[in-house]
N, C-alpha and C. Protein backbone atom coordinates (compact mmCIF):
# COMPACT_ATOMS: atom_id res chain seq x y z
N MET A 1 45.69 74.05 39.37
CA MET A 1 46.82 74.73 38.77
C MET A 1 46.56 74.89 37.28
N ASN A 2 46.31 76.10 36.84
CA ASN A 2 46.00 76.37 35.44
C ASN A 2 47.23 76.76 34.62
N GLN A 3 48.34 76.98 35.27
CA GLN A 3 49.55 77.39 34.57
C GLN A 3 50.11 76.23 33.76
N ASP A 4 50.57 76.52 32.56
CA ASP A 4 51.18 75.51 31.68
C ASP A 4 52.61 75.30 32.15
N PHE A 5 52.83 74.21 32.86
CA PHE A 5 54.15 73.94 33.44
C PHE A 5 55.24 73.87 32.36
N VAL A 6 54.97 73.17 31.29
CA VAL A 6 55.99 73.02 30.24
C VAL A 6 56.39 74.39 29.69
N ARG A 7 55.43 75.27 29.53
CA ARG A 7 55.73 76.61 29.04
C ARG A 7 56.66 77.36 30.00
N THR A 8 56.51 77.12 31.30
CA THR A 8 57.35 77.82 32.28
C THR A 8 58.81 77.40 32.18
N LEU A 9 59.10 76.29 31.54
CA LEU A 9 60.48 75.81 31.43
C LEU A 9 61.27 76.55 30.35
N GLY A 10 60.60 77.39 29.57
CA GLY A 10 61.30 78.20 28.57
C GLY A 10 62.01 77.36 27.52
N HIS A 11 63.24 77.75 27.19
CA HIS A 11 64.01 77.07 26.14
C HIS A 11 64.27 75.61 26.46
N LEU A 12 64.32 75.27 27.74
CA LEU A 12 64.59 73.90 28.15
C LEU A 12 63.60 72.92 27.55
N ALA A 13 62.36 73.35 27.35
CA ALA A 13 61.30 72.45 26.87
C ALA A 13 60.85 72.79 25.45
N LEU A 14 61.69 73.47 24.69
CA LEU A 14 61.28 73.86 23.33
C LEU A 14 60.89 72.65 22.49
N GLY A 15 61.69 71.59 22.53
CA GLY A 15 61.37 70.39 21.76
C GLY A 15 60.05 69.78 22.20
N THR A 16 59.80 69.76 23.50
CA THR A 16 58.54 69.22 24.02
C THR A 16 57.36 70.05 23.52
N ARG A 17 57.54 71.37 23.51
CA ARG A 17 56.45 72.23 23.05
C ARG A 17 56.22 72.04 21.56
N PHE A 18 57.29 71.92 20.76
CA PHE A 18 57.11 71.65 19.32
C PHE A 18 56.41 70.31 19.12
N LYS A 19 56.81 69.29 19.86
CA LYS A 19 56.19 67.97 19.74
C LYS A 19 54.72 68.04 20.13
N ARG A 20 54.44 68.72 21.23
CA ARG A 20 53.07 68.86 21.69
C ARG A 20 52.21 69.60 20.67
N LEU A 21 52.75 70.68 20.12
CA LEU A 21 52.03 71.45 19.11
C LEU A 21 51.82 70.60 17.86
N GLY A 22 52.86 69.88 17.44
CA GLY A 22 52.73 69.01 16.27
C GLY A 22 51.67 67.94 16.47
N ASP A 23 51.64 67.35 17.65
CA ASP A 23 50.63 66.33 17.95
C ASP A 23 49.22 66.93 17.87
N ARG A 24 49.05 68.14 18.41
CA ARG A 24 47.74 68.78 18.38
C ARG A 24 47.32 69.11 16.95
N VAL A 25 48.24 69.64 16.17
CA VAL A 25 47.92 69.98 14.78
C VAL A 25 47.57 68.71 14.00
N GLN A 26 48.36 67.63 14.19
CA GLN A 26 48.06 66.39 13.47
C GLN A 26 46.72 65.80 13.90
N GLN A 27 46.41 65.84 15.18
CA GLN A 27 45.13 65.29 15.65
C GLN A 27 43.97 66.09 15.05
N GLN A 28 44.10 67.40 15.03
CA GLN A 28 43.03 68.22 14.47
C GLN A 28 42.99 68.10 12.95
N ALA A 29 44.15 67.90 12.31
CA ALA A 29 44.17 67.65 10.87
C ALA A 29 43.45 66.34 10.57
N GLN A 30 43.60 65.36 11.46
CA GLN A 30 42.91 64.08 11.28
C GLN A 30 41.41 64.28 11.27
N GLU A 31 40.92 65.13 12.16
CA GLU A 31 39.49 65.43 12.20
C GLU A 31 39.05 66.12 10.91
N LEU A 32 39.87 67.04 10.42
CA LEU A 32 39.55 67.73 9.17
C LEU A 32 39.54 66.74 8.00
N LEU A 33 40.53 65.84 7.95
CA LEU A 33 40.57 64.83 6.89
C LEU A 33 39.31 63.98 6.91
N ALA A 34 38.86 63.61 8.10
CA ALA A 34 37.66 62.77 8.22
C ALA A 34 36.43 63.47 7.65
N THR A 35 36.36 64.80 7.76
CA THR A 35 35.21 65.51 7.20
C THR A 35 35.18 65.40 5.68
N GLN A 36 36.34 65.09 5.08
CA GLN A 36 36.43 64.94 3.63
C GLN A 36 36.50 63.47 3.22
N ASP A 37 36.19 62.58 4.15
CA ASP A 37 36.20 61.14 3.91
C ASP A 37 37.59 60.63 3.51
N ILE A 38 38.62 61.24 4.10
CA ILE A 38 40.00 60.78 3.90
C ILE A 38 40.40 60.12 5.22
N HIS A 39 40.53 58.80 5.20
CA HIS A 39 40.77 58.05 6.43
C HIS A 39 42.17 57.44 6.45
N VAL A 40 43.14 58.31 6.34
CA VAL A 40 44.55 57.95 6.44
C VAL A 40 45.13 58.81 7.55
N PRO A 41 45.95 58.26 8.43
CA PRO A 41 46.54 59.10 9.46
C PRO A 41 47.28 60.30 8.86
N ALA A 42 47.03 61.46 9.41
CA ALA A 42 47.64 62.70 8.91
C ALA A 42 49.15 62.59 8.85
N ALA A 43 49.74 61.87 9.78
CA ALA A 43 51.20 61.72 9.81
C ALA A 43 51.72 60.93 8.62
N GLN A 44 50.86 60.19 7.94
CA GLN A 44 51.29 59.40 6.78
C GLN A 44 51.19 60.17 5.47
N LEU A 45 50.50 61.29 5.49
CA LEU A 45 50.31 62.05 4.25
C LEU A 45 51.60 62.59 3.63
N PRO A 46 52.58 63.07 4.41
CA PRO A 46 53.80 63.54 3.75
C PRO A 46 54.48 62.46 2.92
N LEU A 47 54.50 61.22 3.40
CA LEU A 47 55.11 60.14 2.63
C LEU A 47 54.30 59.88 1.36
N LEU A 48 52.99 59.81 1.50
CA LEU A 48 52.15 59.61 0.31
C LEU A 48 52.33 60.76 -0.68
N ALA A 49 52.43 61.98 -0.18
CA ALA A 49 52.63 63.14 -1.05
C ALA A 49 53.97 63.06 -1.77
N ALA A 50 55.00 62.60 -1.07
CA ALA A 50 56.32 62.47 -1.70
C ALA A 50 56.28 61.43 -2.81
N VAL A 51 55.67 60.29 -2.55
CA VAL A 51 55.58 59.25 -3.59
C VAL A 51 54.73 59.76 -4.75
N ASP A 52 53.65 60.45 -4.44
CA ASP A 52 52.80 61.01 -5.48
C ASP A 52 53.59 61.97 -6.37
N ARG A 53 54.37 62.84 -5.75
CA ARG A 53 55.14 63.82 -6.52
C ARG A 53 56.29 63.18 -7.30
N MET A 54 56.94 62.19 -6.69
CA MET A 54 58.11 61.58 -7.32
C MET A 54 57.75 60.49 -8.34
N GLY A 55 56.54 59.97 -8.26
CA GLY A 55 56.13 58.89 -9.16
C GLY A 55 56.50 57.55 -8.58
N SER A 56 57.76 57.35 -8.33
CA SER A 56 58.25 56.18 -7.61
C SER A 56 59.58 56.59 -6.97
N ALA A 57 59.92 55.90 -5.90
CA ALA A 57 61.14 56.26 -5.19
C ALA A 57 61.61 55.10 -4.34
N SER A 58 62.87 55.13 -3.99
CA SER A 58 63.42 54.13 -3.07
C SER A 58 63.18 54.58 -1.63
N ILE A 59 63.34 53.65 -0.71
CA ILE A 59 63.23 53.97 0.71
C ILE A 59 64.23 55.07 1.06
N GLY A 60 65.45 54.94 0.60
CA GLY A 60 66.49 55.92 0.90
C GLY A 60 66.15 57.30 0.37
N ALA A 61 65.63 57.37 -0.84
CA ALA A 61 65.26 58.66 -1.42
C ALA A 61 64.12 59.29 -0.64
N LEU A 62 63.15 58.48 -0.23
CA LEU A 62 62.03 59.00 0.56
C LEU A 62 62.52 59.50 1.92
N ALA A 63 63.40 58.75 2.56
CA ALA A 63 63.94 59.18 3.85
C ALA A 63 64.66 60.52 3.71
N GLN A 64 65.42 60.66 2.64
CA GLN A 64 66.16 61.90 2.42
C GLN A 64 65.22 63.07 2.16
N VAL A 65 64.23 62.87 1.30
CA VAL A 65 63.29 63.94 0.96
C VAL A 65 62.48 64.37 2.19
N LEU A 66 62.10 63.41 3.02
CA LEU A 66 61.27 63.70 4.19
C LEU A 66 62.09 64.11 5.41
N GLY A 67 63.40 63.85 5.37
CA GLY A 67 64.24 64.19 6.51
C GLY A 67 64.01 63.31 7.72
N VAL A 68 63.71 62.04 7.46
CA VAL A 68 63.48 61.08 8.54
C VAL A 68 64.37 59.86 8.30
N THR A 69 64.35 58.92 9.24
CA THR A 69 65.22 57.75 9.13
C THR A 69 64.67 56.72 8.14
N GLN A 70 65.58 55.93 7.58
CA GLN A 70 65.16 54.86 6.67
C GLN A 70 64.31 53.81 7.39
N PRO A 71 64.66 53.41 8.62
CA PRO A 71 63.78 52.44 9.30
C PRO A 71 62.36 52.99 9.50
N GLY A 72 62.25 54.27 9.78
CA GLY A 72 60.92 54.87 9.94
C GLY A 72 60.14 54.83 8.65
N VAL A 73 60.81 55.13 7.53
CA VAL A 73 60.15 55.08 6.23
C VAL A 73 59.77 53.64 5.90
N THR A 74 60.66 52.70 6.19
CA THR A 74 60.37 51.29 5.91
C THR A 74 59.11 50.83 6.65
N ARG A 75 59.00 51.20 7.93
CA ARG A 75 57.81 50.82 8.71
C ARG A 75 56.55 51.45 8.12
N LEU A 76 56.64 52.73 7.79
CA LEU A 76 55.49 53.43 7.25
C LEU A 76 55.08 52.88 5.89
N VAL A 77 56.05 52.58 5.04
CA VAL A 77 55.75 51.98 3.74
C VAL A 77 55.04 50.64 3.94
N GLY A 78 55.50 49.86 4.91
CA GLY A 78 54.85 48.57 5.19
C GLY A 78 53.39 48.75 5.57
N LYS A 79 53.11 49.72 6.45
CA LYS A 79 51.72 49.98 6.85
C LYS A 79 50.87 50.41 5.66
N LEU A 80 51.42 51.31 4.85
CA LEU A 80 50.65 51.82 3.71
C LEU A 80 50.49 50.77 2.62
N ALA A 81 51.44 49.87 2.50
CA ALA A 81 51.31 48.76 1.55
C ALA A 81 50.22 47.80 2.03
N ARG A 82 50.21 47.50 3.34
CA ARG A 82 49.17 46.62 3.88
C ARG A 82 47.78 47.25 3.75
N ALA A 83 47.73 48.57 3.75
CA ALA A 83 46.45 49.28 3.58
C ALA A 83 46.05 49.38 2.11
N GLY A 84 46.92 48.89 1.21
CA GLY A 84 46.61 48.90 -0.21
C GLY A 84 46.87 50.23 -0.91
N LEU A 85 47.63 51.13 -0.28
CA LEU A 85 47.88 52.44 -0.87
C LEU A 85 49.22 52.52 -1.60
N LEU A 86 50.17 51.68 -1.21
CA LEU A 86 51.49 51.65 -1.85
C LEU A 86 51.81 50.24 -2.30
N GLN A 87 52.65 50.16 -3.31
CA GLN A 87 53.17 48.87 -3.74
C GLN A 87 54.68 48.99 -3.82
N THR A 88 55.36 47.90 -3.56
CA THR A 88 56.81 47.89 -3.63
C THR A 88 57.25 46.88 -4.67
N GLY A 89 58.40 47.12 -5.22
CA GLY A 89 58.96 46.20 -6.20
C GLY A 89 60.44 46.44 -6.34
N ALA A 90 61.11 45.56 -7.01
CA ALA A 90 62.55 45.70 -7.23
C ALA A 90 62.80 46.77 -8.29
N ALA A 91 63.85 47.55 -8.06
CA ALA A 91 64.21 48.60 -9.01
C ALA A 91 64.82 47.99 -10.26
N GLU A 92 64.59 48.63 -11.39
CA GLU A 92 65.22 48.18 -12.63
C GLU A 92 66.72 48.39 -12.50
N GLY A 93 67.49 47.38 -12.86
CA GLY A 93 68.94 47.51 -12.83
C GLY A 93 69.57 47.16 -11.49
N ASP A 94 68.82 47.17 -10.41
CA ASP A 94 69.37 46.81 -9.10
C ASP A 94 68.26 46.20 -8.25
N ARG A 95 68.19 44.89 -8.27
CA ARG A 95 67.10 44.19 -7.60
C ARG A 95 67.19 44.27 -6.07
N ARG A 96 68.32 44.80 -5.56
CA ARG A 96 68.46 44.95 -4.10
C ARG A 96 67.68 46.17 -3.60
N VAL A 97 67.41 47.11 -4.49
CA VAL A 97 66.73 48.35 -4.11
C VAL A 97 65.23 48.19 -4.38
N ARG A 98 64.44 48.51 -3.35
CA ARG A 98 62.98 48.46 -3.50
C ARG A 98 62.48 49.81 -3.97
N THR A 99 61.60 49.80 -4.95
CA THR A 99 60.95 51.05 -5.37
C THR A 99 59.53 51.05 -4.83
N ILE A 100 59.10 52.23 -4.48
CA ILE A 100 57.79 52.42 -3.88
C ILE A 100 56.96 53.27 -4.83
N ARG A 101 55.73 52.87 -5.07
CA ARG A 101 54.82 53.69 -5.89
C ARG A 101 53.40 53.54 -5.36
N LEU A 102 52.56 54.49 -5.74
CA LEU A 102 51.16 54.43 -5.33
C LEU A 102 50.43 53.34 -6.09
N THR A 103 49.53 52.68 -5.43
CA THR A 103 48.62 51.76 -6.10
C THR A 103 47.51 52.61 -6.73
N PRO A 104 46.66 52.03 -7.57
CA PRO A 104 45.52 52.79 -8.07
C PRO A 104 44.66 53.36 -6.93
N THR A 105 44.48 52.60 -5.85
CA THR A 105 43.73 53.09 -4.70
C THR A 105 44.45 54.28 -4.07
N GLY A 106 45.76 54.18 -3.94
CA GLY A 106 46.56 55.28 -3.40
C GLY A 106 46.50 56.51 -4.29
N GLN A 107 46.54 56.30 -5.60
CA GLN A 107 46.42 57.44 -6.53
C GLN A 107 45.07 58.12 -6.41
N ALA A 108 44.01 57.33 -6.29
CA ALA A 108 42.67 57.90 -6.14
C ALA A 108 42.57 58.69 -4.84
N LEU A 109 43.14 58.13 -3.77
CA LEU A 109 43.12 58.83 -2.48
C LEU A 109 43.87 60.17 -2.59
N MET A 110 45.03 60.16 -3.21
CA MET A 110 45.82 61.39 -3.32
C MET A 110 45.10 62.41 -4.21
N THR A 111 44.48 61.98 -5.27
CA THR A 111 43.73 62.89 -6.13
C THR A 111 42.61 63.56 -5.35
N ARG A 112 41.88 62.76 -4.58
CA ARG A 112 40.79 63.30 -3.76
C ARG A 112 41.31 64.21 -2.66
N ALA A 113 42.38 63.80 -1.98
CA ALA A 113 42.94 64.60 -0.89
C ALA A 113 43.44 65.95 -1.41
N LYS A 114 44.12 65.95 -2.54
CA LYS A 114 44.65 67.21 -3.09
C LYS A 114 43.53 68.14 -3.52
N ALA A 115 42.42 67.57 -3.98
CA ALA A 115 41.31 68.39 -4.46
C ALA A 115 40.42 68.91 -3.34
N THR A 116 40.31 68.15 -2.25
CA THR A 116 39.36 68.54 -1.20
C THR A 116 40.03 68.90 0.11
N ALA A 117 40.72 67.96 0.72
CA ALA A 117 41.24 68.15 2.07
C ALA A 117 42.43 69.10 2.14
N TRP A 118 43.34 69.01 1.19
CA TRP A 118 44.55 69.84 1.26
C TRP A 118 44.25 71.33 1.21
N PRO A 119 43.38 71.79 0.32
CA PRO A 119 43.08 73.23 0.34
C PRO A 119 42.46 73.67 1.67
N LEU A 120 41.60 72.83 2.24
CA LEU A 120 41.00 73.17 3.53
C LEU A 120 42.05 73.20 4.64
N MET A 121 42.93 72.20 4.64
CA MET A 121 43.96 72.13 5.66
C MET A 121 44.94 73.30 5.52
N ASP A 122 45.30 73.63 4.30
CA ASP A 122 46.21 74.76 4.08
C ASP A 122 45.57 76.05 4.59
N ALA A 123 44.29 76.24 4.29
CA ALA A 123 43.59 77.45 4.74
C ALA A 123 43.49 77.49 6.27
N ALA A 124 43.20 76.36 6.89
CA ALA A 124 43.06 76.31 8.34
C ALA A 124 44.39 76.60 9.04
N VAL A 125 45.47 76.03 8.54
CA VAL A 125 46.78 76.26 9.16
C VAL A 125 47.24 77.69 8.88
N ALA A 126 46.96 78.21 7.69
CA ALA A 126 47.30 79.61 7.40
C ALA A 126 46.55 80.53 8.36
N ASP A 127 45.30 80.20 8.65
CA ASP A 127 44.52 80.99 9.60
C ASP A 127 45.14 80.89 11.00
N LEU A 128 45.56 79.69 11.38
CA LEU A 128 46.22 79.50 12.66
C LEU A 128 47.48 80.36 12.77
N CYS A 129 48.22 80.46 11.68
CA CYS A 129 49.48 81.22 11.66
C CYS A 129 49.27 82.71 11.43
N ALA A 130 48.03 83.15 11.27
CA ALA A 130 47.75 84.56 10.96
C ALA A 130 48.19 85.52 12.05
N ALA A 131 48.36 85.03 13.27
CA ALA A 131 48.82 85.90 14.35
C ALA A 131 50.23 86.41 14.08
N ALA A 132 50.99 85.69 13.27
CA ALA A 132 52.35 86.09 12.90
C ALA A 132 52.51 85.91 11.39
N PRO A 133 51.78 86.71 10.59
CA PRO A 133 51.76 86.49 9.15
C PRO A 133 53.15 86.54 8.52
N GLY A 134 53.41 85.52 7.70
CA GLY A 134 54.67 85.45 6.97
C GLY A 134 55.88 85.15 7.85
N GLN A 135 55.66 84.79 9.11
CA GLN A 135 56.79 84.57 10.01
C GLN A 135 56.99 83.12 10.43
N VAL A 136 55.92 82.36 10.56
CA VAL A 136 56.01 81.03 11.15
C VAL A 136 56.85 80.08 10.29
N LEU A 137 56.53 79.95 9.01
CA LEU A 137 57.26 79.00 8.17
C LEU A 137 58.73 79.40 8.00
N PRO A 138 59.04 80.69 7.74
CA PRO A 138 60.46 81.06 7.68
C PRO A 138 61.19 80.83 9.01
N LEU A 139 60.51 81.07 10.13
CA LEU A 139 61.13 80.83 11.43
C LEU A 139 61.45 79.35 11.61
N LEU A 140 60.50 78.49 11.28
CA LEU A 140 60.75 77.05 11.38
C LEU A 140 61.90 76.63 10.48
N ALA A 141 61.91 77.12 9.24
CA ALA A 141 63.00 76.79 8.32
C ALA A 141 64.34 77.26 8.88
N GLY A 142 64.35 78.45 9.44
CA GLY A 142 65.58 78.97 10.02
C GLY A 142 66.07 78.13 11.19
N LEU A 143 65.15 77.70 12.05
CA LEU A 143 65.54 76.84 13.18
C LEU A 143 66.08 75.50 12.69
N GLU A 144 65.44 74.91 11.70
CA GLU A 144 65.92 73.64 11.15
C GLU A 144 67.30 73.79 10.54
N GLU A 145 67.50 74.85 9.78
CA GLU A 145 68.80 75.09 9.14
C GLU A 145 69.89 75.37 10.19
N ALA A 146 69.55 76.14 11.21
CA ALA A 146 70.52 76.44 12.27
C ALA A 146 70.91 75.17 13.02
N LEU A 147 69.95 74.29 13.27
CA LEU A 147 70.24 73.04 13.98
C LEU A 147 71.08 72.11 13.11
N ASP A 148 70.82 72.11 11.79
CA ASP A 148 71.65 71.32 10.88
C ASP A 148 73.08 71.85 10.86
N ALA A 149 73.21 73.16 10.82
CA ALA A 149 74.53 73.78 10.73
C ALA A 149 75.34 73.61 12.01
N ARG A 150 74.67 73.68 13.15
CA ARG A 150 75.36 73.57 14.43
C ARG A 150 74.44 72.95 15.47
N PRO A 151 74.59 71.64 15.71
CA PRO A 151 73.74 70.95 16.68
C PRO A 151 73.87 71.55 18.09
N LEU A 152 72.90 71.25 18.93
CA LEU A 152 72.88 71.79 20.29
C LEU A 152 74.18 71.53 21.05
N VAL A 153 74.71 70.32 20.92
CA VAL A 153 75.91 69.97 21.68
C VAL A 153 77.09 70.85 21.31
N ARG A 154 77.09 71.41 20.10
CA ARG A 154 78.17 72.30 19.68
C ARG A 154 77.89 73.75 20.05
N ARG A 155 76.73 74.01 20.61
CA ARG A 155 76.37 75.39 20.98
C ARG A 155 76.74 75.72 22.42
N VAL A 156 77.27 74.75 23.14
CA VAL A 156 77.71 74.96 24.52
C VAL A 156 79.04 74.29 24.73
N ASP A 157 79.74 74.71 25.75
CA ASP A 157 80.98 74.05 26.15
C ASP A 157 80.59 72.95 27.14
N CYS A 158 80.45 71.74 26.64
CA CYS A 158 79.96 70.63 27.47
C CYS A 158 80.91 70.29 28.63
N GLY A 159 82.17 70.67 28.51
CA GLY A 159 83.11 70.42 29.60
C GLY A 159 82.82 71.30 30.80
N LYS A 160 82.30 72.48 30.57
CA LYS A 160 82.03 73.41 31.67
C LYS A 160 80.55 73.54 31.95
N GLY A 161 79.71 73.09 31.02
CA GLY A 161 78.27 73.16 31.23
C GLY A 161 77.69 74.56 31.10
N THR A 162 78.41 75.47 30.46
CA THR A 162 77.90 76.82 30.27
C THR A 162 77.93 77.18 28.81
N PRO A 163 77.02 78.06 28.39
CA PRO A 163 77.01 78.49 26.99
C PRO A 163 78.22 79.35 26.64
């Protein structure tokens, strides 16, 4: 059976298809990163990029910027701190809040990644999206905004089970 079963499910499996596509892109991005001697999981780069851009940030600020949960950011920060790429400390003025910043090793990694791997990755993904030039990123943004504005459960009459 060569038919893609998940694809046959249409809108019902949209999230599965996005997840599957995201997994494939991240796995292939990992291979690309390795060619540039960047040995950090591709899924961790957005957090490192956020800390790099912000200089330092709290867990809550990182969760908000990345659009993910605070527990997820906390776990990821722990992994990256154990890898020697991030350091945590108490915020000035409020010792209950942890601030996150890059270590010198993390800064060196980000400098190298931005100079070598990121331009290659950007070019490769732009090439991937060339079949629909100028459409993929705006489409994704539109879907995210539409889901924020009106979640799926509000898009149907759940009492009757029909749209």
